[in-house]
């Protein structure tokens, strides 16, 4: 992963809600976007995980 990209994104990550927060807008990457960001091809996209909100 690109270190500069990671550092730029990390400042907007909200660990409480597991999303990126830009002022009043929350963004959650899709599985495909996570794969692209992490450059990792072996993620099993057919499995869905959830947790109580």
PDB file of N, CA and C in Angstrom:
ATOM      1  N   UNK A   1       0.845  -1.178   0.000  1.00  0.00           N
ATOM      2  CA  UNK A   1       0.000   0.000   0.000  1.00  0.00           C
ATOM      3  C   UNK A   1       0.888   1.237   0.000  1.00  0.00           C
ATOM      4  N   UNK A   2       0.452   2.247  -0.703  1.00  0.00           N
ATOM      5  CA  UNK A   2       1.173   3.510  -0.774  1.00  0.00           C
ATOM      6  C   UNK A   2       1.133   4.185   0.598  1.00  0.00           C
ATOM      7  N   UNK A   3       2.300   4.425   1.171  1.00  0.00           N
ATOM      8  CA  UNK A   3       2.375   4.998   2.524  1.00  0.00           C
ATOM      9  C   UNK A   3       1.737   6.385   2.599  1.00  0.00           C
ATOM     10  N   UNK A   4       1.944   7.206   1.578  1.00  0.00           N
ATOM     11  CA  UNK A   4       1.371   8.558   1.583  1.00  0.00           C
ATOM     12  C   UNK A   4      -0.155   8.513   1.509  1.00  0.00           C
ATOM     13  N   UNK A   5      -0.679   7.607   0.688  1.00  0.00           N
ATOM     14  CA  UNK A   5      -2.130   7.435   0.605  1.00  0.00           C
ATOM     15  C   UNK A   5      -2.678   6.967   1.943  1.00  0.00           C
ATOM     16  N   UNK A   6      -2.007   5.999   2.554  1.00  0.00           N
ATOM     17  CA  UNK A   6      -2.444   5.484   3.850  1.00  0.00           C
ATOM     18  C   UNK A   6      -2.475   6.588   4.902  1.00  0.00           C
ATOM     19  N   UNK A   7      -1.438   7.390   4.974  1.00  0.00           N
ATOM     20  CA  UNK A   7      -1.393   8.475   5.959  1.00  0.00           C
ATOM     21  C   UNK A   7      -2.477   9.518   5.698  1.00  0.00           C
ATOM     22  N   UNK A   8      -2.733   9.810   4.427  1.00  0.00           N
ATOM     23  CA  UNK A   8      -3.785  10.771   4.091  1.00  0.00           C
ATOM     24  C   UNK A   8      -5.157  10.243   4.491  1.00  0.00           C
ATOM     25  N   UNK A   9      -5.418   8.963   4.214  1.00  0.00           N
ATOM     26  CA  UNK A   9      -6.716   8.377   4.562  1.00  0.00           C
ATOM     27  C   UNK A   9      -6.871   8.181   6.066  1.00  0.00           C
ATOM     28  N   UNK A  10      -5.782   7.856   6.747  1.00  0.00           N
ATOM     29  CA  UNK A  10      -5.846   7.563   8.180  1.00  0.00           C
ATOM     30  C   UNK A  10      -6.367   8.744   8.995  1.00  0.00           C
ATOM     31  N   UNK A  11      -6.086   9.950   8.570  1.00  0.00           N
ATOM     32  CA  UNK A  11      -6.538  11.109   9.341  1.00  0.00           C
ATOM     33  C   UNK A  11      -8.052  11.296   9.286  1.00  0.00           C
ATOM     34  N   UNK A  12      -8.710  10.673   8.313  1.00  0.00           N
ATOM     35  CA  UNK A  12     -10.163  10.786   8.194  1.00  0.00           C
ATOM     36  C   UNK A  12     -10.907   9.545   8.682  1.00  0.00           C
ATOM     37  N   UNK A  13     -10.181   8.506   9.108  1.00  0.00           N
ATOM     38  CA  UNK A  13     -10.816   7.257   9.539  1.00  0.00           C
ATOM     39  C   UNK A  13     -11.442   7.438  10.916  1.00  0.00           C
ATOM     40  N   UNK A  14     -12.692   7.031  11.059  1.00  0.00           N
ATOM     41  CA  UNK A  14     -13.410   7.096  12.330  1.00  0.00           C
ATOM     42  C   UNK A  14     -13.535   5.666  12.859  1.00  0.00           C
ATOM     43  N   UNK A  15     -12.688   5.269  13.815  1.00  0.00           N
ATOM     44  CA  UNK A  15     -12.708   3.883  14.299  1.00  0.00           C
ATOM     45  C   UNK A  15     -13.993   3.517  15.031  1.00  0.00           C
ATOM     46  N   UNK A  16     -14.681   4.478  15.590  1.00  0.00           N
ATOM     47  CA  UNK A  16     -15.931   4.197  16.297  1.00  0.00           C
ATOM     48  C   UNK A  16     -16.987   3.652  15.351  1.00  0.00           C
ATOM     49  N   UNK A  17     -17.071   4.235  14.155  1.00  0.00           N
ATOM     50  CA  UNK A  17     -18.087   3.841  13.180  1.00  0.00           C
ATOM     51  C   UNK A  17     -17.523   3.039  12.006  1.00  0.00           C
ATOM     52  N   UNK A  18     -16.221   2.798  11.995  1.00  0.00           N
ATOM     53  CA  UNK A  18     -15.543   2.068  10.908  1.00  0.00           C
ATOM     54  C   UNK A  18     -15.859   2.664   9.543  1.00  0.00           C
ATOM     55  N   UNK A  19     -15.668   3.976   9.439  1.00  0.00           N
ATOM     56  CA  UNK A  19     -15.896   4.659   8.168  1.00  0.00           C
ATOM     57  C   UNK A  19     -14.996   5.888   8.103  1.00  0.00           C
ATOM     58  N   UNK A  20     -14.920   6.489   6.919  1.00  0.00           N
ATOM     59  CA  UNK A  20     -14.204   7.744   6.756  1.00  0.00           C
ATOM     60  C   UNK A  20     -15.188   8.877   6.995  1.00  0.00           C
ATOM     61  N   UNK A  21     -14.784   9.881   7.764  1.00  0.00           N
ATOM     62  CA  UNK A  21     -15.651  11.010   8.074  1.00  0.00           C
ATOM     63  C   UNK A  21     -15.010  12.297   7.552  1.00  0.00           C
ATOM     64  N   UNK A  22     -15.734  12.975   6.667  1.00  0.00           N
ATOM     65  CA  UNK A  22     -15.316  14.263   6.127  1.00  0.00           C
ATOM     66  C   UNK A  22     -16.372  15.272   6.559  1.00  0.00           C
ATOM     67  N   UNK A  23     -16.089  15.994   7.639  1.00  0.00           N
ATOM     68  CA  UNK A  23     -17.038  16.911   8.260  1.00  0.00           C
ATOM     69  C   UNK A  23     -18.344  16.182   8.565  1.00  0.00           C
ATOM     70  N   UNK A  24     -19.423  16.428   7.820  1.00  0.00           N
ATOM     71  CA  UNK A  24     -20.710  15.791   8.117  1.00  0.00           C
ATOM     72  C   UNK A  24     -21.030  14.637   7.172  1.00  0.00           C
ATOM     73  N   UNK A  25     -20.061  14.194   6.390  1.00  0.00           N
ATOM     74  CA  UNK A  25     -20.275  13.116   5.418  1.00  0.00           C
ATOM     75  C   UNK A  25     -19.474  11.893   5.843  1.00  0.00           C
ATOM     76  N   UNK A  26     -20.144  10.749   5.932  1.00  0.00           N
ATOM     77  CA  UNK A  26     -19.489   9.487   6.263  1.00  0.00           C
ATOM     78  C   UNK A  26     -19.424   8.613   5.016  1.00  0.00           C
ATOM     79  N   UNK A  27     -18.257   8.055   4.731  1.00  0.00           N
ATOM     80  CA  UNK A  27     -18.074   7.185   3.572  1.00  0.00           C
ATOM     81  C   UNK A  27     -17.532   5.839   4.026  1.00  0.00           C
ATOM     82  N   UNK A  28     -18.113   4.781   3.525  1.00  0.00           N
ATOM     83  CA  UNK A  28     -17.657   3.428   3.830  1.00  0.00           C
ATOM     84  C   UNK A  28     -17.246   2.772   2.516  1.00  0.00           C
ATOM     85  N   UNK A  29     -15.975   2.385   2.395  1.00  0.00           N
ATOM     86  CA  UNK A  29     -15.539   1.732   1.158  1.00  0.00           C
ATOM     87  C   UNK A  29     -16.231   0.387   0.951  1.00  0.00           C
ATOM     88  N   UNK A  30     -16.465   0.045  -0.309  1.00  0.00           N
ATOM     89  CA  UNK A  30     -17.002  -1.274  -0.640  1.00  0.00           C
ATOM     90  C   UNK A  30     -15.874  -2.298  -0.539  1.00  0.00           C
ATOM     91  N   UNK A  31     -16.219  -3.569  -0.573  1.00  0.00           N
ATOM     92  CA  UNK A  31     -15.199  -4.613  -0.523  1.00  0.00           C
ATOM     93  C   UNK A  31     -14.234  -4.456  -1.695  1.00  0.00           C
ATOM     94  N   UNK A  32     -14.757  -4.143  -2.864  1.00  0.00           N
ATOM     95  CA  UNK A  32     -13.906  -3.964  -4.040  1.00  0.00           C
ATOM     96  C   UNK A  32     -12.942  -2.794  -3.856  1.00  0.00           C
ATOM     97  N   UNK A  33     -13.401  -1.726  -3.212  1.00  0.00           N
ATOM     98  CA  UNK A  33     -12.521  -0.582  -2.965  1.00  0.00           C
ATOM     99  C   UNK A  33     -11.449  -0.923  -1.941  1.00  0.00           C
ATOM    100  N   UNK A  34     -11.803  -1.700  -0.911  1.00  0.00           N
ATOM    101  CA  UNK A  34     -10.791  -2.165   0.042  1.00  0.00           C
ATOM    102  C   UNK A  34      -9.728  -2.994  -0.672  1.00  0.00           C
ATOM    103  N   UNK A  35     -10.147  -3.891  -1.559  1.00  0.00           N
ATOM    104  CA  UNK A  35      -9.205  -4.724  -2.304  1.00  0.00           C
ATOM    105  C   UNK A  35      -8.245  -3.841  -3.100  1.00  0.00           C
ATOM    106  N   UNK A  36      -8.783  -2.823  -3.765  1.00  0.00           N
ATOM    107  CA  UNK A  36      -7.943  -1.923  -4.557  1.00  0.00           C
ATOM    108  C   UNK A  36      -7.009  -1.108  -3.667  1.00  0.00           C
ATOM    109  N   UNK A  37      -7.519  -0.592  -2.550  1.00  0.00           N
ATOM    110  CA  UNK A  37      -6.690   0.205  -1.649  1.00  0.00           C
ATOM    111  C   UNK A  37      -5.563  -0.610  -1.033  1.00  0.00           C
ATOM    112  N   UNK A  38      -5.876  -1.831  -0.650  1.00  0.00           N
ATOM    113  CA  UNK A  38      -4.887  -2.678   0.013  1.00  0.00           C
ATOM    114  C   UNK A  38      -4.051  -3.490  -0.966  1.00  0.00           C
ATOM    115  N   UNK A  39      -4.445  -3.462  -2.241  1.00  0.00           N
ATOM    116  CA  UNK A  39      -3.766  -4.239  -3.285  1.00  0.00           C
ATOM    117  C   UNK A  39      -3.674  -5.707  -2.890  1.00  0.00           C
ATOM    118  N   UNK A  40      -4.774  -6.233  -2.398  1.00  0.00           N
ATOM    119  CA  UNK A  40      -4.826  -7.615  -1.928  1.00  0.00           C
ATOM    120  C   UNK A  40      -5.918  -8.338  -2.689  1.00  0.00           C
ATOM    121  N   UNK A  41      -5.563  -9.373  -3.407  1.00  0.00           N
ATOM    122  CA  UNK A  41      -6.508 -10.046  -4.286  1.00  0.00           C
ATOM    123  C   UNK A  41      -7.178 -11.260  -3.664  1.00  0.00           C
ATOM    124  N   UNK A  42      -6.725 -11.716  -2.513  1.00  0.00           N
ATOM    125  CA  UNK A  42      -7.231 -12.972  -1.966  1.00  0.00           C
ATOM    126  C   UNK A  42      -8.324 -12.781  -0.916  1.00  0.00           C
ATOM    127  N   UNK A  43      -9.043 -11.680  -0.958  1.00  0.00           N
ATOM    128  CA  UNK A  43     -10.152 -11.454  -0.039  1.00  0.00           C
ATOM    129  C   UNK A  43     -11.368 -12.197  -0.573  1.00  0.00           C
ATOM    130  N   UNK A  44     -12.056 -12.910   0.286  1.00  0.00           N
ATOM    131  CA  UNK A  44     -13.231 -13.672  -0.125  1.00  0.00           C
ATOM    132  C   UNK A  44     -14.446 -12.756  -0.118  1.00  0.00           C
ATOM    133  N   UNK A  45     -14.829 -12.283  -1.288  1.00  0.00           N
ATOM    134  CA  UNK A  45     -15.932 -11.330  -1.390  1.00  0.00           C
ATOM    135  C   UNK A  45     -17.290 -11.993  -1.284  1.00  0.00           C
ATOM    136  N   UNK A  46     -17.335 -13.334  -1.301  1.00  0.00           N
ATOM    137  CA  UNK A  46     -18.627 -14.008  -1.207  1.00  0.00           C
ATOM    138  C   UNK A  46     -19.102 -14.167   0.234  1.00  0.00           C
ATOM    139  N   UNK A  47     -18.254 -13.821   1.193  1.00  0.00           N
ATOM    140  CA  UNK A  47     -18.642 -13.917   2.602  1.00  0.00           C
ATOM    141  C   UNK A  47     -18.991 -12.523   3.115  1.00  0.00           C
ATOM    142  N   UNK A  48     -20.067 -12.428   3.835  1.00  0.00           N
ATOM    143  CA  UNK A  48     -20.492 -11.151   4.390  1.00  0.00           C
ATOM    144  C   UNK A  48     -20.452 -11.253   5.904  1.00  0.00           C
ATOM    145  N   UNK A  49     -19.822 -10.283   6.521  1.00  0.00           N
ATOM    146  CA  UNK A  49     -19.728 -10.254   7.971  1.00  0.00           C
ATOM    147  C   UNK A  49     -20.463  -9.020   8.480  1.00  0.00           C
ATOM    148  N   UNK A  50     -21.151  -9.173   9.574  1.00  0.00           N
ATOM    149  CA  UNK A  50     -21.835  -8.021  10.162  1.00  0.00           C
ATOM    150  C   UNK A  50     -21.729  -8.103  11.667  1.00  0.00           C
ATOM    151  N   UNK A  51     -21.996  -6.979  12.292  1.00  0.00           N
ATOM    152  CA  UNK A  51     -22.013  -6.923  13.750  1.00  0.00           C
ATOM    153  C   UNK A  51     -23.147  -6.010  14.172  1.00  0.00           C
ATOM    154  N   UNK A  52     -23.659  -6.219  15.369  1.00  0.00           N
ATOM    155  CA  UNK A  52     -24.774  -5.370  15.820  1.00  0.00           C
ATOM    156  C   UNK A  52     -24.345  -3.914  15.912  1.00  0.00           C
ATOM    157  N   UNK A  53     -25.250  -3.006  15.529  1.00  0.00           N
ATOM    158  CA  UNK A  53     -24.937  -1.582  15.496  1.00  0.00           C
ATOM    159  C   UNK A  53     -25.141  -0.879  16.728  1.00  0.00           C
TER     160      UNK A  53
END
